[in-house]
Protein backbone atom coordinates (compact mmCIF):
# COMPACT_ATOMS: atom_id res chain seq x y z
CA MET A 1 68.34 15.00 -78.82
CA ALA A 2 64.96 13.33 -78.15
CA ILE A 3 65.80 10.89 -75.13
CA ALA A 4 63.69 8.51 -73.43
CA GLY A 5 61.92 8.74 -69.89
CA ALA A 6 58.90 8.95 -69.08
CA ALA A 7 55.83 10.74 -70.94
CA PRO A 8 55.51 14.04 -69.76
CA TYR A 9 51.95 14.02 -71.35
CA GLN A 10 49.14 12.41 -72.01
CA ALA A 11 46.28 12.96 -74.60
CA ASP A 12 42.93 11.80 -73.16
CA LYS A 13 40.12 11.23 -75.56
CA ARG A 14 37.66 12.73 -76.18
CA ALA A 15 35.50 11.18 -79.09
CA VAL A 16 35.83 9.49 -82.31
CA ILE A 17 34.08 11.38 -85.20
CA ALA A 18 33.62 9.18 -88.56
CA LEU A 19 34.26 10.23 -91.94
CA ASN A 20 35.48 8.01 -95.20
CA HIS A 21 39.52 8.72 -95.67
CA PRO A 22 40.18 11.95 -93.10
CA ALA A 23 43.70 13.61 -94.44
CA PHE A 24 44.24 16.73 -93.68
CA LEU A 25 42.35 18.86 -91.18
CA HIS A 26 42.82 22.50 -91.19
CA LEU A 27 40.98 25.30 -88.53
CA GLU A 28 38.88 27.50 -89.67
CA GLY A 29 37.35 31.04 -88.15
CA GLU A 30 39.95 30.61 -85.00
CA SER A 31 39.83 34.30 -84.07
CA ARG A 32 36.13 34.90 -84.32
CA GLY A 33 35.74 32.09 -81.42
CA THR A 34 33.52 29.85 -83.82
CA PRO A 35 36.30 27.42 -84.83
CA GLU A 36 35.40 24.77 -87.48
CA LEU A 37 37.35 21.88 -89.27
CA ILE A 38 37.77 21.42 -93.31
CA VAL A 39 38.66 18.34 -94.08
CA SER A 40 40.24 17.04 -97.47
CA SER A 41 38.99 12.76 -98.13
CA PHE A 42 40.52 11.66 -101.07
CA GLY A 43 41.74 8.24 -102.10
CA VAL A 44 42.57 6.01 -104.91
CA PHE A 45 39.00 5.02 -106.14
CA GLY A 46 37.12 7.83 -105.10
CA GLY A 47 35.33 9.35 -102.24
CA ASP A 48 37.21 12.86 -102.84
CA ALA A 49 35.05 14.89 -100.45
CA VAL A 50 36.38 17.93 -98.72
CA ARG A 51 33.71 18.50 -95.85
CA ARG A 52 33.56 20.68 -92.82
CA ILE A 53 31.78 19.98 -88.65
CA ARG A 54 30.80 22.59 -87.27
CA ASN A 55 30.12 22.40 -83.57
CA LEU A 56 33.50 21.08 -82.47
CA PRO A 57 32.55 23.00 -79.05
CA GLY A 58 29.64 20.66 -78.79
CA ILE A 59 31.32 17.17 -79.90
CA LEU A 60 33.75 17.10 -76.40
CA LYS A 61 30.62 17.19 -74.43
CA GLY A 62 29.27 14.52 -76.33
CA GLU A 63 27.23 15.83 -78.69
CA LYS A 64 26.40 14.11 -82.61
CA PRO A 65 29.10 15.74 -85.04
CA VAL A 66 27.15 18.02 -87.23
CA VAL A 67 28.87 17.82 -91.07
CA ASP A 68 28.89 18.70 -94.39
CA VAL A 69 30.09 18.29 -97.97
CA ILE A 70 31.67 21.96 -98.83
CA THR A 71 32.48 19.86 -102.88
CA ASP A 72 32.74 16.22 -103.77
CA LYS A 73 33.23 17.54 -107.38
CA VAL A 74 37.19 17.92 -106.81
CA THR A 75 39.99 15.44 -107.43
CA TRP A 76 42.67 14.85 -104.56
CA PRO A 77 42.11 18.04 -102.52
CA ASN A 78 44.50 18.61 -100.26
CA GLU A 79 44.68 22.07 -98.50
CA ALA A 80 41.16 23.99 -98.46
CA LYS A 81 40.93 27.61 -97.85
CA ARG A 82 38.99 29.93 -96.96
CA VAL A 83 38.41 32.43 -100.49
CA PRO A 84 38.09 36.40 -98.89
CA LEU A 85 34.87 37.99 -99.32
CA SER A 86 36.66 40.92 -101.64
CA LEU A 87 37.57 38.31 -104.54
CA SER A 88 34.24 36.09 -104.24
CA GLY A 89 30.92 35.02 -102.23
CA PRO A 90 29.56 34.09 -99.19
CA ASP A 91 31.87 30.63 -99.14
CA THR A 92 33.98 30.46 -101.20
CA TRP A 93 37.33 27.88 -101.08
CA LEU A 94 40.63 27.06 -103.12
CA ILE A 95 41.72 24.37 -102.81
CA ALA A 96 45.07 22.61 -104.10
CA GLY A 97 44.39 18.93 -105.14
CA GLY A 98 46.11 15.87 -107.00
CA PHE A 99 48.76 13.36 -106.26
CA LEU A 100 51.13 10.78 -107.31
CA VAL A 101 48.35 8.88 -108.04
CA PRO A 102 47.67 8.21 -112.14
CA GLY A 103 43.86 9.61 -112.76
CA LYS A 104 44.27 11.71 -110.01
CA THR A 105 46.60 14.87 -111.56
CA GLY A 106 45.64 18.17 -109.97
CA ALA A 107 45.18 21.68 -110.09
CA LEU A 108 44.14 24.65 -107.85
CA THR A 109 39.93 24.72 -108.18
CA MET A 110 37.75 27.71 -106.18
CA VAL A 111 34.26 26.91 -105.83
CA GLN A 112 31.22 28.06 -103.85
CA ALA A 113 29.91 25.54 -101.13
CA GLY A 114 27.63 23.25 -102.58
CA GLY A 115 28.20 24.54 -106.32
CA GLU A 116 30.39 23.91 -109.78
CA PRO A 117 33.85 24.19 -108.86
CA ARG A 118 36.51 25.90 -111.30
CA THR A 119 39.94 24.81 -112.49
CA LEU A 120 42.36 28.21 -111.42
CA THR A 121 45.74 26.84 -113.24
CA GLN A 122 45.68 26.24 -117.33
CA SER A 123 47.55 23.92 -119.01
CA ASP A 124 52.06 24.45 -119.95
CA PRO A 125 52.46 23.31 -123.98
CA VAL A 126 56.31 22.80 -122.38
CA SER A 127 56.36 19.04 -122.79
CA GLU A 128 58.71 18.13 -119.25
CA ARG A 129 56.20 20.21 -117.95
CA LYS A 130 52.64 19.62 -119.55
CA GLY A 131 50.17 18.25 -117.20
CA GLY A 132 50.55 15.69 -113.74
CA TRP A 133 51.15 18.36 -111.00
CA PHE A 134 50.15 18.41 -107.94
CA TYR A 135 49.05 20.80 -104.90
CA HIS A 136 49.64 21.37 -101.65
CA ARG A 137 49.13 24.95 -99.93
CA THR A 138 48.60 28.00 -101.01
CA TYR A 139 48.24 31.60 -99.84
CA TRP A 140 46.38 35.09 -100.99
CA ARG A 141 49.09 37.73 -101.49
CA ASP A 142 49.63 40.60 -103.94
CA MET A 143 52.32 39.58 -105.05
CA ASP A 144 52.84 42.32 -107.96
CA GLY A 145 51.53 45.24 -105.67
CA ASP A 146 49.05 46.50 -108.14
CA GLY A 147 46.24 46.34 -105.12
CA HIS A 148 44.85 42.54 -106.00
CA LEU A 149 45.19 40.05 -104.14
CA ASP A 150 46.81 36.87 -105.93
CA ILE A 151 47.83 33.90 -105.48
CA LEU A 152 51.19 32.17 -104.45
CA THR A 153 51.26 27.88 -104.72
CA ALA A 154 54.41 25.46 -105.61
CA ARG A 155 53.08 22.41 -107.35
CA GLY A 156 54.99 18.78 -108.56
CA LYS A 157 54.96 16.43 -110.41
CA LYS A 158 56.94 12.76 -111.11
CA ALA A 159 56.86 10.86 -113.98
CA MET A 160 56.33 7.78 -114.54
CA THR A 161 59.37 7.00 -116.03
CA GLY A 162 61.69 10.30 -115.61
CA GLY A 163 62.44 12.59 -113.45
CA SER A 164 61.00 14.63 -110.89
CA PHE A 165 59.59 18.20 -111.10
CA GLY A 166 59.32 21.51 -109.03
CA GLU A 167 57.83 24.56 -108.89
CA LEU A 168 57.42 27.75 -107.32
CA LEU A 169 54.33 30.11 -108.48
CA TRP A 170 52.14 33.10 -108.89
CA LEU A 171 48.51 33.15 -110.55
CA LYS A 172 48.12 36.79 -110.83
CA ARG A 173 44.11 37.62 -109.99
CA PRO A 174 42.49 38.58 -113.64
CA VAL A 175 41.09 42.18 -113.85
CA GLN A 176 37.72 40.36 -116.32
CA GLU A 177 35.76 37.51 -113.75
CA GLY A 178 36.25 34.29 -115.50
CA ALA A 179 39.22 35.15 -117.37
CA PRO A 180 42.14 32.96 -117.03
CA TRP A 181 44.66 33.26 -114.14
CA GLN A 182 48.13 34.08 -114.87
CA GLU A 183 50.70 32.39 -114.01
CA THR A 184 54.53 33.57 -113.12
CA ILE A 185 57.52 31.16 -112.78
CA ILE A 186 58.95 32.69 -109.46
CA GLY A 187 61.77 29.76 -109.97
CA LYS A 188 61.76 25.53 -109.78
CA GLY A 189 62.51 23.77 -106.77
CA PRO A 190 59.64 24.06 -104.42
CA ASP A 191 57.04 21.27 -104.46
CA VAL A 192 54.95 20.41 -102.10
CA HIS A 193 54.77 22.71 -98.75
CA PHE A 194 56.14 26.06 -98.00
CA ARG A 195 55.92 28.51 -95.16
CA LEU A 196 54.77 32.82 -96.23
CA THR A 197 57.06 34.37 -92.84
CA ASP A 198 58.44 38.22 -92.66
CA LEU A 199 62.32 36.97 -91.15
CA ASP A 200 63.38 40.95 -90.33
CA GLN A 201 60.70 42.00 -89.24
CA ASP A 202 60.99 44.75 -92.14
CA GLY A 203 57.28 44.70 -93.14
CA LYS A 204 58.29 42.44 -96.76
CA GLU A 205 57.54 38.40 -96.09
CA GLU A 206 60.02 35.41 -97.09
CA ILE A 207 59.43 31.91 -98.33
CA LEU A 208 61.23 29.23 -97.25
CA ALA A 209 59.81 25.74 -98.75
CA SER A 210 60.39 22.61 -98.26
CA GLU A 211 61.84 20.26 -101.81
CA PHE A 212 60.43 17.17 -101.53
CA PHE A 213 62.11 15.90 -104.69
CA THR A 214 65.64 18.01 -104.44
CA LYS A 215 65.40 16.56 -101.13
CA ARG A 216 66.86 20.36 -99.02
CA PHE A 217 65.23 22.95 -97.27
CA SER A 218 65.45 26.36 -99.61
CA VAL A 219 64.99 30.30 -98.49
CA TRP A 220 63.34 32.61 -101.46
CA TRP A 221 63.34 36.68 -101.27
CA ARG A 222 62.57 38.41 -103.71
CA GLU A 223 64.78 42.20 -104.53
CA GLY A 224 63.62 44.88 -106.39
CA GLY A 225 61.72 42.73 -109.41
CA THR A 226 64.29 39.23 -108.86
CA TRP A 227 63.69 36.64 -107.24
CA LYS A 228 66.45 34.99 -105.82
CA SER A 229 67.31 31.42 -103.65
CA ARG A 230 69.28 30.51 -101.01
CA VAL A 231 69.64 26.20 -100.46
CA ILE A 232 69.50 26.51 -96.19
CA ASP A 233 70.38 22.22 -95.85
CA ASN A 234 70.54 20.42 -98.24
CA LYS A 235 71.14 16.99 -96.29
CA CYS A 236 67.81 16.98 -94.87
CA GLY A 237 66.42 13.87 -95.96
CA SER A 238 63.47 14.21 -97.79
CA ALA A 239 61.85 17.59 -97.10
CA PHE A 240 57.86 17.56 -96.19
CA ASP A 241 56.17 20.68 -94.06
CA LEU A 242 57.11 22.95 -91.87
CA GLU A 243 55.97 26.01 -89.37
CA VAL A 244 57.79 29.15 -87.77
CA ALA A 245 57.47 29.81 -84.09
CA ASP A 246 59.28 30.32 -80.74
CA LEU A 247 60.57 27.14 -80.40
CA ASN A 248 62.61 28.20 -76.93
CA GLY A 249 60.83 31.24 -75.29
CA ASP A 250 63.85 33.39 -76.73
CA GLY A 251 61.39 35.95 -78.14
CA ARG A 252 63.06 34.68 -81.65
CA ARG A 253 61.18 32.62 -84.44
CA ASP A 254 62.72 28.99 -85.69
CA VAL A 255 62.13 26.59 -88.11
CA VAL A 256 60.60 23.05 -87.59
CA LEU A 257 60.90 21.02 -90.13
CA THR A 258 59.19 17.71 -91.35
CA ASN A 259 60.90 15.32 -93.86
CA HIS A 260 59.45 12.05 -95.12
CA GLU A 261 61.77 8.43 -95.72
CA ASN A 262 61.12 4.75 -95.08
CA ASN A 263 64.29 5.06 -93.24
CA ALA A 264 66.39 5.51 -90.09
CA ASN A 265 67.03 9.20 -91.99
CA ALA A 266 62.98 9.91 -91.17
CA SER A 267 63.23 13.01 -88.75
CA VAL A 268 61.77 15.90 -86.85
CA PHE A 269 64.64 19.41 -87.42
CA ALA A 270 64.26 22.93 -85.62
CA TYR A 271 67.10 25.01 -87.17
CA GLU A 272 67.60 29.06 -85.37
CA ILE A 273 67.13 31.68 -87.96
CA PRO A 274 69.59 34.68 -88.12
CA ALA A 275 69.74 37.90 -87.68
CA ASP A 276 71.39 37.82 -91.61
CA TRP A 277 69.62 34.95 -93.04
CA ARG A 278 70.47 35.80 -95.78
CA THR A 279 74.61 34.56 -95.57
CA GLY A 280 74.67 33.38 -92.02
CA LEU A 281 74.37 30.03 -90.58
CA TRP A 282 70.99 28.67 -89.81
CA PRO A 283 71.26 26.19 -87.23
CA ARG A 284 70.28 22.83 -87.38
CA HIS A 285 69.13 20.92 -84.33
CA THR A 286 67.73 17.18 -84.67
CA LEU A 287 64.77 16.76 -82.15
CA VAL A 288 64.83 13.31 -83.16
CA SER A 289 65.20 11.07 -85.72
CA GLY A 290 64.92 7.05 -86.59
CA ILE A 291 60.43 6.73 -86.57
CA GLU A 292 59.96 3.90 -87.93
CA THR A 293 58.20 3.43 -90.75
CA ARG A 294 54.87 0.35 -89.75
CA GLN A 295 52.73 0.99 -92.60
CA GLY A 296 53.37 -1.43 -95.31
CA GLY A 297 51.32 -0.72 -98.99
CA MET A 298 53.44 1.14 -101.81
CA GLY A 299 55.76 3.90 -100.28
CA PRO A 300 54.74 4.46 -97.02
CA ALA A 301 57.01 6.81 -95.23
CA SER A 302 57.62 9.07 -91.41
CA PRO A 303 56.23 11.38 -90.09
CA GLY A 304 54.40 13.82 -91.79
CA ALA A 305 53.64 17.09 -90.88
CA PRO A 306 54.18 19.61 -87.72
CA VAL A 307 52.25 21.39 -85.45
CA VAL A 308 53.59 23.88 -82.78
CA VAL A 309 51.72 25.05 -79.50
CA PRO A 310 53.96 28.17 -79.15
CA GLY A 311 54.47 29.21 -75.17
CA ALA A 312 52.52 25.90 -73.73
CA THR A 313 55.37 24.95 -71.25
CA ARG A 314 55.87 26.79 -67.80
CA ASP A 315 58.88 28.17 -69.50
CA GLY A 316 58.05 29.59 -72.91
CA LYS A 317 59.36 26.61 -75.11
CA ALA A 318 56.75 25.11 -77.33
CA LEU A 319 55.24 21.28 -77.21
CA ILE A 320 55.47 20.23 -81.20
CA LEU A 321 53.09 17.54 -82.53
CA VAL A 322 54.17 15.80 -85.02
CA ALA A 323 51.42 13.50 -87.40
CA GLY A 324 53.23 10.36 -88.07
CA ASP A 325 52.20 9.01 -91.54
CA GLY A 326 52.95 5.74 -92.30
CA SER A 327 54.28 5.67 -88.51
CA GLN A 328 51.01 5.38 -87.24
CA ARG A 329 51.71 7.29 -84.32
CA VAL A 330 50.50 11.23 -83.47
CA HIS A 331 53.85 12.42 -82.29
CA LEU A 332 54.90 14.69 -79.23
CA LEU A 333 58.47 16.44 -78.82
CA SER A 334 58.03 18.47 -75.27
CA PRO A 335 61.21 19.87 -74.14
CA SER A 336 63.02 18.04 -71.58
CA SER A 337 65.23 21.29 -70.50
CA SER A 338 63.77 24.82 -69.15
CA VAL A 339 67.47 26.72 -71.05
CA LYS A 340 67.21 28.18 -74.09
CA THR A 341 69.89 26.94 -75.15
CA GLU A 342 69.54 23.87 -75.15
CA TRP A 343 67.18 21.85 -77.66
CA ARG A 344 66.97 18.53 -76.35
CA TYR A 345 63.70 16.74 -76.56
CA GLN A 346 61.03 14.26 -75.60
CA PHE A 347 59.14 12.03 -77.63
CA THR A 348 56.61 9.83 -77.24
CA ASP A 349 53.40 8.93 -78.57
CA LEU A 350 50.37 10.32 -78.03
CA ASP A 351 48.06 7.02 -79.45
CA ASP A 352 49.07 4.17 -81.77
CA LEU A 353 46.25 4.26 -84.62
CA LYS A 354 47.68 1.67 -86.37
CA CYS A 355 47.02 2.59 -89.64
CA THR A 356 48.09 6.29 -91.73
CA VAL A 357 47.62 9.64 -89.75
CA GLY A 358 47.18 12.52 -91.72
CA GLN A 359 47.83 15.99 -91.11
CA LEU A 360 46.95 17.17 -87.58
CA ALA A 361 44.62 20.10 -86.37
CA ALA A 362 44.91 21.86 -82.54
CA ALA A 363 44.03 24.14 -81.13
CA ASP A 364 41.90 25.16 -77.10
CA LEU A 365 38.42 24.14 -78.69
CA ASP A 366 36.82 25.00 -75.69
CA GLY A 367 38.44 27.68 -73.46
CA ASP A 368 39.08 25.43 -70.44
CA GLY A 369 42.66 26.58 -71.61
CA LEU A 370 43.57 23.10 -72.13
CA ILE A 371 45.29 22.38 -76.21
CA GLU A 372 42.53 19.86 -78.16
CA VAL A 373 44.17 17.95 -80.84
CA LEU A 374 42.18 16.14 -83.75
CA ALA A 375 44.24 13.43 -85.60
CA PRO A 376 42.54 11.69 -88.70
CA ALA A 377 43.39 8.30 -88.67
CA TYR A 378 42.97 7.88 -92.84
CA ASP A 379 42.54 3.83 -92.63
CA GLN A 380 40.12 3.71 -90.05
CA HIS A 381 37.76 6.40 -91.84
CA GLN A 382 38.13 8.09 -87.88
CA ILE A 383 38.82 11.47 -86.10
CA HIS A 384 40.39 11.45 -83.13
CA VAL A 385 39.65 14.43 -80.78
CA TYR A 386 42.02 14.25 -77.61
CA THR A 387 42.46 16.71 -74.86
CA LEU A 388 46.15 16.94 -74.16
CA ARG A 389 47.18 16.99 -69.89
CA GLN A 390 50.60 17.38 -67.80
CA ALA A 391 50.68 13.83 -66.72
CA ALA A 392 50.37 13.12 -63.21
CA ARG A 393 53.88 12.42 -61.38
CA ARG A 394 54.21 9.74 -59.23
CA GLN A 395 55.12 10.03 -55.71
CA PRO A 396 57.55 8.10 -54.52
CA ALA A 397 56.70 5.19 -51.89
CA LYS A 398 57.02 6.07 -48.38
CA ARG A 399 59.66 4.18 -46.36
CA SER A 400 57.93 2.05 -44.06
């Protein structure tokens, strides 16, 4: 549980990048040593685009950002991921889009930078599922063992009058270029964010899903040709996003999950993954709760997505960055104890941006061993860039 006290870390602001309505940030190319910042922008009245910023290390030295547009011909882009070269030409992107806004129906779209987008998802004839979907995340995986990469995704829909729907599904890559991608529904429930991970290191990946509309956290896996699922937690509130990482430095991976609420239940949780993850207990730890939503307007809530910096502390525990979304803050959870079995964290505000804070990105951009944090201030049309440092400890006053 989070505790109060002096902030153990501070965020030194290094740059402010002007960009229209930045919402989702994603770093590409870190493994090659040349990270690019991919920025998704959207708005109720237009401005939908995916852009990239190439000269991140230079920006830390005072250079002007070099920004180019990947596409401005998509509707409400969320996460954008590069398409493997084996599937398409260079600089091609898969974009998950759409939201709960009239006229912003989503799709999965593939587009080569500067080219015409191609929609991969199809309309469904079943009335309760026809149209109105939004998509947030995708993975490239061979889902049927035929040696070809397919697309795993989730989608959600909320009718203006009536219920809400969520589906976990995959799209089969067609043999013939330009042919439809065949959709296969895995199950109902997952709607916004999910993660792929091999829970027991047996070479088979499982799916961890944060189910926003059904307010639960679930795990999905395949046994032979049958998909199975289990609800891990149905008391977590409107589950929003999650990451898998070793949080407490004990060599075993955990899950950090945020919900998205406009009340005292707005929280960040950690779950320990048991050896028997199918039937065993997943111990839950509330790292912080009661995150205040300060944003006005229709439907604001807090917090947004987490970003984990594994092994960042001396004892090998992780730091957890949290996008405030409606809290208007950039938050940090830092461990208050070096004991592996203690889950006490300090919850601090790295910055108050006084507007909606979208999906964060974090990495060591200039190779100096310090983590940079990039935070989109949506309503201010800015991306704030910080370097995260340990705060200097105050020396006790000397007695005269």
